[in-house]
Amino acid sequence: MRDHRGQDHPVTLRKFPYPYRAALAICSDIDGCTSKVFLEVHRCLNRDFGLPVADSFWGKPFYEGEMAYFRLDGQTISPDAPLIRQAIRDGLIDSLHSWGDFTFSPPEPSYLRRLAERLTEELSAHDLPIKIWINHGDDCNWQNLRTRLQPHFQGDEPQSPYYTVDLMRKMGIEFCWSAELVPWPLSGNLKVSSPMVWPKLVANAAKRVLRSLLGQKKGFRTSAELLNLMHPFLLADGTRFIGFSRFNSHPEGIWGLPTRHTLRYALNSQVLDNLIKQEGYLVLYAHFGFPRNPVGDLFPREDRQALAGLAQRYRSGQIWVARTVDLLTYFTVHQHLDWKSYREGERTIIDIESIRDPIWDPQAPTRGNLAGLCYYTPRPEKTVIRLNGEELETIQYGLDHTGRQAIGFPPASGPDTGLL
């Protein structure tokens, strides 16, 4: 990204889609969720509250009836598969919660490979790429990618019978939740001097020293993992994904299980106001399938109030609420976009050149992955944005909270709610 502040044409890239001042996605793990609860939850979130929220799905469930593409045998297509395919098409699902749930017992390697190959073939046949991998599981889920907190996982180890990264890439995976949780908003540029941040960095440095002395360097947590929404995630086979952190606020601490009934803590007014104040990003950790057998309302009153508060801030243009894949894609493009601006007669020209993608080589942007990008410019009516020499159709925006005008593109549209 470049800032162009010449005297004749000061042009800067706005941090968020217009007119938002912060961004949030709710990223739910599908554990314990049936297709009935899935539809009820998204009816409430997407239709009733108008929040663009997507979900995840299993390859294989832990128990019969849990929403997954295959049944327990890992080969027989589940009755939920058509719903899952349509939800992916409609944007209601954007993440794979791993090949399957193998809690309490590691998968048999040949069984795992058949399951992963079959799911990859199915999604490819229906032209349904998936970009997000959720590294689910207890210590028995050896098929997952090795992380700081789960160094014994073998899914990215080429010599392991649990290796499946080749299939993940074929499926289209780019982003991976690398089991990092944080208890505060992430902006990508938090100041180390912030009273909220520096005690965490000091504590983290002390832990690194202790782990070095104990020979536990694999447990290191970098400053990037503490402060940034996203970080490079290098796998054992040399493959690179983009890792991202999720936010959790829970009475039992950062590793407390977030459910439909703990949204009151994660989305309370203090969290949302702090997110706006810091101009931060949040990817919220959730489990919409829990509790499995609730007494009373699907979302209790306190949690509905929290959702209503988020919806109000979304409608009023304060917090951009987006599907996880849209937020991560936007952040990646925004952080790695090469562009330049200059004067051409009376007009200001913004030339978009390439994306210095942290996974692939520099690539030419498409109109699709420019969704949400906006530029501050003093004369939007005399500013044009070009891609590959072609002038793009843009929107001229009025004054925002900074008193500046902008030109750019609307953010990605939310899920189609026809299923609901």
Foldseek 3Di string as FASTA:
>chain_A
DDFDCDPVWGKDWDQFFPPALAAEAEEAAQPQAAPVLLLVVCCCQCPVLVFQYAYEEELEEPAPRRGHQAYNQLAHGDPNNVVVLVCLVQFNHQEYADHYAPPPAADDLVSSVVNLVNVLVVCVVVVRAHAEYEQDYDLRDLLGFAALVRNNRPCQPVVDSSDDVVSNVSSNYAEYARPQEEAAFAAQDDDCPDPVHVVVVVVLVVVCVVCVVVVSNSNRDDVCSHHHQWDWDQGPNRAIHIYGYAYDFDPVDRPPAAELAGQLRVQPPVRLVRSSVVSGYHHHYYHDSPPVDDDDDSHDPSSVVSSNVVSVCCVVNHYPYHYPVQVVLLNQQVVFWDWDWDDDVPAIEIETAWGPGPRDHTDFDDPQSQASIKMFIQCQVRYFYDGPNDTDDWDWAAQHPVRTTIIGHHHDDGGDSPVD
